Amino acid sequence: MRRSERIVRLTRTLMNHPGEPLSLTEMADQLEAAKSSLSEDLAIIRDVMEEDGEGTLRTQMGASGGVLFEVDVAWTKAREFLERAILRLSQGDRILPGGYLYMSDVLAEPDVLRMAGKMFAKIFAPMAPDLVLTVETKGIPLTVMTAQYLHRPFVVARRDHRVTEGSSVSVNYVSGSDRRIQTMSLSKRSIKQGARVLIIDDFMKAGGTVKAMTGLMSEFDAVVVGTGVFMETAEPEEKLVSNYISLLTLTEVDESRHRVVIQPGSYLLGNPERLVPTVDEKPRDQTEFK
């Protein structure tokens, strides 16, 4: 196999398995190449990925050596992505009753989901979550993409209990936006005790739903290590939750004037109060790969 072909195959394998440790021995057997040759190929791939801001490779030395591809998002690419999203979502005809914004079409586009998922994976990977949690239904696609780039399973809390889920844990909560009492349910088999959980959602106004998911995790003795939302509202300023990261902030919705104002969220602004873990516990040691 020619080296150029081998590098293409290696790159494809790495990008199809982000966050997943891959065995150098197995890849060497599949590509019929020596480990020393693969190491040289991986060095080339690493240099190109880091130069383009797409990610980096971490290697594990020794007889059972491996390689791990971690996604990255260059600052300029993140800014350009959010600027395009703001331009699309700032259209006045997207305004919905109650100060909400129609985003379903944007959050159904693969390119948007991939980029947002990569951004969340980049910022939360150091917290080493065991799984990614959301509540049905609009946040599911974004959660799936985030989980893919973290190489972690995802779990969906439901608004009502289903027989097919088996025995479950339910919590009642008051929605922070409209003050309605709602129910959230999750199968007892979904989460192991002590799991580290990353919460992802598409929209947050007062934070009632995220707070309910956090409370639900306490029923499993799980630890919420981070929270990410695609868009938050500027008002109310005092949310029911803290220590979260948003990609966008909806600052103004004027139904009479069909005016929508959106700004970059804490992800791009680097708000130090929101870019910290939601727990005091230190993340797991990840020095196995360097």
Protein backbone atom coordinates (compact mmCIF):
# COMPACT_ATOMS: atom_id res chain seq x y z
CA MET A 1 0.00 0.00 0.00
CA ARG A 2 1.35 3.40 -0.96
CA ARG A 3 2.05 5.86 1.83
CA SER A 4 -0.38 8.44 0.47
CA GLU A 5 -3.17 5.86 0.51
CA ARG A 6 -2.22 4.77 4.02
CA ILE A 7 -2.36 8.35 5.32
CA VAL A 8 -5.80 8.85 3.78
CA ARG A 9 -7.09 5.67 5.41
CA LEU A 10 -5.54 6.60 8.76
CA THR A 11 -7.08 10.08 8.66
CA ARG A 12 -10.50 8.68 7.81
CA THR A 13 -10.30 6.16 10.65
CA LEU A 14 -9.28 8.80 13.18
CA MET A 15 -11.97 11.29 12.16
CA ASN A 16 -14.63 8.57 12.21
CA HIS A 17 -13.68 7.65 15.79
CA PRO A 18 -13.10 10.90 17.72
CA GLY A 19 -12.39 10.43 21.40
CA GLU A 20 -11.93 6.67 20.96
CA PRO A 21 -8.56 5.06 21.81
CA LEU A 22 -7.34 3.11 18.77
CA SER A 23 -4.75 0.36 18.90
CA LEU A 24 -1.61 0.94 16.83
CA THR A 25 -1.11 -2.81 16.61
CA GLU A 26 -4.54 -3.39 15.10
CA MET A 27 -4.16 -0.50 12.66
CA ALA A 28 -0.72 -1.76 11.64
CA ASP A 29 -2.19 -5.20 10.91
CA GLN A 30 -5.09 -3.75 8.94
CA LEU A 31 -2.84 -1.51 6.85
CA GLU A 32 -0.05 -4.10 6.61
CA ALA A 33 2.52 -1.59 7.79
CA ALA A 34 5.15 -1.40 10.51
CA LYS A 35 4.37 0.58 13.66
CA SER A 36 7.34 2.83 12.94
CA SER A 37 5.81 3.74 9.57
CA LEU A 38 2.45 4.45 11.19
CA SER A 39 4.11 6.69 13.77
CA GLU A 40 5.63 8.77 10.98
CA ASP A 41 2.27 8.95 9.22
CA LEU A 42 0.51 9.99 12.42
CA ALA A 43 3.06 12.76 12.98
CA ILE A 44 2.19 14.20 9.56
CA ILE A 45 -1.54 13.94 10.26
CA ARG A 46 -1.10 15.60 13.66
CA ASP A 47 0.80 18.55 12.20
CA VAL A 48 -1.84 19.16 9.53
CA MET A 49 -4.78 18.84 11.94
CA GLU A 50 -3.23 21.18 14.47
CA GLU A 51 -2.31 23.70 11.78
CA ASP A 52 -5.89 23.68 10.47
CA GLY A 53 -7.38 23.79 13.97
CA GLU A 54 -9.30 20.54 13.46
CA GLY A 55 -7.89 18.63 16.42
CA THR A 56 -4.87 16.86 17.77
CA LEU A 57 -3.56 13.34 18.27
CA ARG A 58 -2.51 11.96 21.62
CA THR A 59 -0.39 8.83 21.66
CA GLN A 60 0.25 6.12 24.21
CA MET A 61 3.71 4.62 24.26
CA GLY A 62 4.66 1.01 24.91
CA ALA A 63 3.87 -2.40 23.48
CA SER A 64 0.12 -1.77 23.70
CA GLY A 65 0.45 1.72 22.29
CA GLY A 66 -2.50 3.56 20.85
CA VAL A 67 -3.64 6.87 19.45
CA LEU A 68 -6.55 9.14 20.36
CA PHE A 69 -8.00 11.87 18.13
CA GLU A 70 -9.40 14.85 20.04
CA VAL A 71 -11.49 17.34 18.12
CA ASP A 72 -10.69 21.02 18.24
CA VAL A 73 -12.33 24.13 16.84
CA ALA A 74 -10.15 27.05 15.81
CA TRP A 75 -11.24 30.33 17.38
CA THR A 76 -11.75 31.96 13.98
CA LYS A 77 -13.91 29.08 12.75
CA ALA A 78 -16.04 29.16 15.90
CA ARG A 79 -16.56 32.90 15.52
CA GLU A 80 -17.48 32.59 11.84
CA PHE A 81 -19.92 29.79 12.61
CA LEU A 82 -21.67 31.79 15.32
CA GLU A 83 -21.80 34.90 13.13
CA ARG A 84 -23.56 32.92 10.40
CA ALA A 85 -25.96 31.43 12.94
CA ILE A 86 -26.75 34.89 14.34
CA LEU A 87 -27.45 36.23 10.86
CA ARG A 88 -29.90 33.42 10.12
CA LEU A 89 -31.64 33.40 13.49
CA SER A 90 -32.05 37.19 13.72
CA GLN A 91 -34.85 37.25 11.15
CA GLY A 92 -38.01 38.84 12.53
CA ASP A 93 -40.33 36.18 11.13
CA ARG A 94 -38.78 33.64 13.53
CA ILE A 95 -40.41 35.23 16.58
CA LEU A 96 -42.82 32.95 18.45
CA PRO A 97 -45.33 33.90 21.17
CA GLY A 98 -43.78 34.24 24.61
CA GLY A 99 -40.45 35.62 23.44
CA TYR A 100 -39.23 32.37 21.93
CA LEU A 101 -37.48 31.90 18.62
CA TYR A 102 -38.06 29.30 15.91
CA MET A 103 -34.79 27.37 15.58
CA SER A 104 -35.90 23.88 14.56
CA ASP A 105 -34.83 24.25 10.93
CA VAL A 106 -31.34 25.47 11.86
CA LEU A 107 -30.87 22.75 14.48
CA ALA A 108 -31.87 20.14 11.91
CA GLU A 109 -28.96 20.91 9.59
CA PRO A 110 -26.06 18.43 9.79
CA ASP A 111 -23.38 21.12 9.36
CA VAL A 112 -24.78 23.15 12.25
CA LEU A 113 -25.09 20.10 14.49
CA ARG A 114 -21.57 18.91 13.67
CA MET A 115 -19.98 22.27 14.43
CA ALA A 116 -21.95 22.85 17.63
CA GLY A 117 -21.24 19.30 18.77
CA LYS A 118 -17.52 19.78 18.16
CA MET A 119 -17.53 23.04 20.11
CA PHE A 120 -19.19 21.43 23.12
CA ALA A 121 -16.93 18.38 22.89
CA LYS A 122 -13.84 20.59 22.86
CA ILE A 123 -14.81 22.59 25.93
CA PHE A 124 -16.14 19.68 28.01
CA ALA A 125 -13.71 16.87 27.08
CA PRO A 126 -11.32 17.76 29.96
CA MET A 127 -14.17 17.07 32.41
CA ALA A 128 -14.26 13.42 31.23
CA PRO A 129 -18.03 12.86 31.23
CA ASP A 130 -19.28 9.27 31.17
CA LEU A 131 -22.41 10.18 29.22
CA VAL A 132 -24.38 13.07 27.75
CA LEU A 133 -27.90 13.85 28.95
CA THR A 134 -30.76 15.83 27.44
CA VAL A 135 -34.54 15.93 27.66
CA GLU A 136 -36.84 15.19 24.75
CA THR A 137 -37.11 16.35 22.08
CA LYS A 138 -35.46 19.31 20.33
CA GLY A 139 -32.10 18.94 22.05
CA ILE A 140 -31.63 15.31 21.01
CA PRO A 141 -29.78 15.86 17.67
CA LEU A 142 -27.32 18.27 19.27
CA THR A 143 -26.77 15.84 22.13
CA VAL A 144 -26.10 12.99 19.71
CA MET A 145 -23.40 14.97 17.90
CA THR A 146 -21.77 16.06 21.15
CA ALA A 147 -21.76 12.47 22.39
CA GLN A 148 -20.25 11.28 19.11
CA TYR A 149 -17.29 13.66 19.31
CA LEU A 150 -16.76 12.73 22.96
CA HIS A 151 -17.18 9.02 22.16
CA ARG A 152 -19.71 8.69 24.96
CA PRO A 153 -23.27 7.32 25.11
CA PHE A 154 -26.22 9.68 25.39
CA VAL A 155 -29.37 9.43 27.49
CA VAL A 156 -32.73 11.13 26.92
CA ALA A 157 -35.01 12.03 29.82
CA ARG A 158 -38.70 11.82 28.91
CA ARG A 159 -41.63 14.04 29.76
CA ASP A 160 -43.67 10.98 30.69
CA HIS A 161 -43.00 7.40 31.73
CA ARG A 162 -43.10 4.65 29.12
CA VAL A 163 -43.63 0.97 29.84
CA THR A 164 -40.82 0.02 27.46
CA GLU A 165 -38.34 1.87 29.69
CA GLY A 166 -38.93 -0.41 32.68
CA SER A 167 -38.86 0.98 36.21
CA SER A 168 -37.94 4.64 36.25
CA VAL A 169 -37.21 7.65 38.42
CA SER A 170 -39.40 10.73 38.01
CA VAL A 171 -39.19 14.28 39.31
CA ASN A 172 -41.71 17.09 39.21
CA TYR A 173 -40.44 20.58 38.55
CA VAL A 174 -41.69 24.08 37.85
CA SER A 175 -40.75 25.40 34.43
CA GLY A 176 -38.67 28.52 34.87
CA SER A 177 -40.21 30.23 31.85
CA ASP A 178 -43.97 29.71 32.20
CA ARG A 179 -44.13 28.44 35.82
CA ARG A 180 -46.00 25.27 34.84
CA ILE A 181 -45.53 22.05 36.79
CA GLN A 182 -44.00 19.37 34.58
CA THR A 183 -42.64 15.86 34.99
CA MET A 184 -39.32 14.38 33.90
CA SER A 185 -38.66 10.64 33.87
CA LEU A 186 -35.62 8.44 33.30
CA SER A 187 -35.17 4.67 33.35
CA LYS A 188 -33.26 3.32 36.35
CA ARG A 189 -31.06 1.37 33.95
CA SER A 190 -29.96 4.47 32.05
CA ILE A 191 -27.31 5.76 34.41
CA LYS A 192 -24.91 4.03 36.77
CA GLN A 193 -24.41 5.32 40.28
CA GLY A 194 -21.65 7.91 40.47
CA ALA A 195 -21.61 8.58 36.72
CA ARG A 196 -20.19 11.86 35.45
CA VAL A 197 -22.87 13.56 33.36
CA LEU A 198 -22.76 16.33 30.78
CA ILE A 199 -26.09 18.11 30.18
CA ILE A 200 -26.83 19.51 26.71
CA ASP A 201 -29.97 21.39 25.64
CA ASP A 202 -31.03 23.55 22.73
CA PHE A 203 -32.61 26.52 24.54
CA MET A 204 -32.63 27.94 28.05
CA LYS A 205 -34.72 30.80 29.35
CA ALA A 206 -34.87 30.71 33.14
CA GLY A 207 -33.10 27.38 33.54
CA GLY A 208 -35.93 25.32 35.00
CA THR A 209 -35.42 22.36 32.68
CA VAL A 210 -31.67 22.21 33.25
CA LYS A 211 -32.21 22.49 37.00
CA ALA A 212 -34.67 19.59 36.82
CA MET A 213 -32.16 17.44 34.93
CA THR A 214 -29.56 18.26 37.57
CA GLY A 215 -32.00 17.28 40.30
CA LEU A 216 -32.83 14.07 38.47
CA MET A 217 -29.14 13.18 38.40
CA SER A 218 -28.97 13.50 42.18
CA GLU A 219 -31.49 10.65 42.36
CA PHE A 220 -28.87 8.48 40.65
CA ASP A 221 -26.01 9.83 42.80
CA ALA A 222 -24.53 11.07 39.53
CA VAL A 223 -22.29 14.13 39.20
CA VAL A 224 -23.10 16.85 36.68
CA VAL A 225 -19.71 17.96 35.36
CA GLY A 226 -20.93 20.53 32.83
CA THR A 227 -23.90 22.09 31.07
CA GLY A 228 -24.04 23.42 27.53
CA VAL A 229 -26.92 25.13 25.73
CA PHE A 230 -27.11 26.24 22.12
CA MET A 231 -28.96 29.45 23.00
CA GLU A 232 -29.88 31.20 26.23
CA THR A 233 -31.93 34.33 26.82
CA ALA A 234 -30.44 37.42 28.42
CA GLU A 235 -33.56 37.77 30.57
CA PRO A 236 -34.10 36.78 33.26
CA GLU A 237 -30.53 37.62 34.16
CA GLU A 238 -30.71 35.51 37.32
CA LYS A 239 -31.10 31.93 36.12
CA LEU A 240 -32.11 28.94 38.21
CA VAL A 241 -28.75 27.38 37.33
CA SER A 242 -25.20 28.66 37.04
CA ASN A 243 -21.90 27.49 35.60
CA TYR A 244 -23.17 26.72 32.11
CA ILE A 245 -21.84 27.50 28.65
CA SER A 246 -23.97 28.96 25.87
CA LEU A 247 -23.10 29.36 22.21
CA LEU A 248 -25.58 32.20 21.61
CA THR A 249 -27.48 34.72 23.74
CA LEU A 250 -30.90 36.05 22.75
CA THR A 251 -30.82 39.61 24.08
CA GLU A 252 -33.96 41.16 22.57
CA VAL A 253 -37.21 40.02 20.99
CA ASP A 254 -39.63 42.78 19.93
CA GLU A 255 -42.75 41.21 18.44
CA SER A 256 -44.30 44.54 17.42
CA ARG A 257 -41.22 45.64 15.48
CA HIS A 258 -40.23 42.13 14.36
CA ARG A 259 -36.81 42.79 15.85
CA VAL A 260 -34.46 40.07 17.07
CA VAL A 261 -31.05 40.72 18.60
CA ILE A 262 -28.65 37.83 19.21
CA GLN A 263 -25.09 37.97 20.51
CA PRO A 264 -22.36 35.38 20.98
CA GLY A 265 -22.75 33.41 24.19
CA SER A 266 -20.26 32.70 26.95
CA TYR A 267 -18.38 30.18 24.77
CA LEU A 268 -17.00 32.91 22.53
CA LEU A 269 -16.94 35.70 25.08
CA GLY A 270 -14.98 33.56 27.51
CA ASN A 271 -17.02 34.57 30.56
CA PRO A 272 -14.84 33.13 33.35
CA GLU A 273 -17.80 32.65 35.69
CA ARG A 274 -19.47 30.31 33.22
CA LEU A 275 -16.42 28.56 31.81
CA VAL A 276 -15.73 26.69 35.04
CA PRO A 277 -16.84 23.14 35.90
CA THR A 278 -20.17 22.78 37.68
CA VAL A 279 -18.53 20.72 40.42
CA ASP A 280 -15.52 21.29 42.62
CA GLU A 281 -14.33 17.77 41.95
CA LYS A 282 -11.28 17.57 39.69
CA PRO A 283 -11.68 15.78 36.35
CA ARG A 284 -10.27 12.32 35.95
CA ASP A 285 -6.62 11.86 35.18
CA GLN A 286 -6.20 11.62 31.42
CA THR A 287 -2.42 11.35 31.33
CA GLU A 288 -2.58 7.88 29.81
CA PHE A 289 -2.53 9.51 26.39
CA LYS A 290 -0.06 12.33 25.80
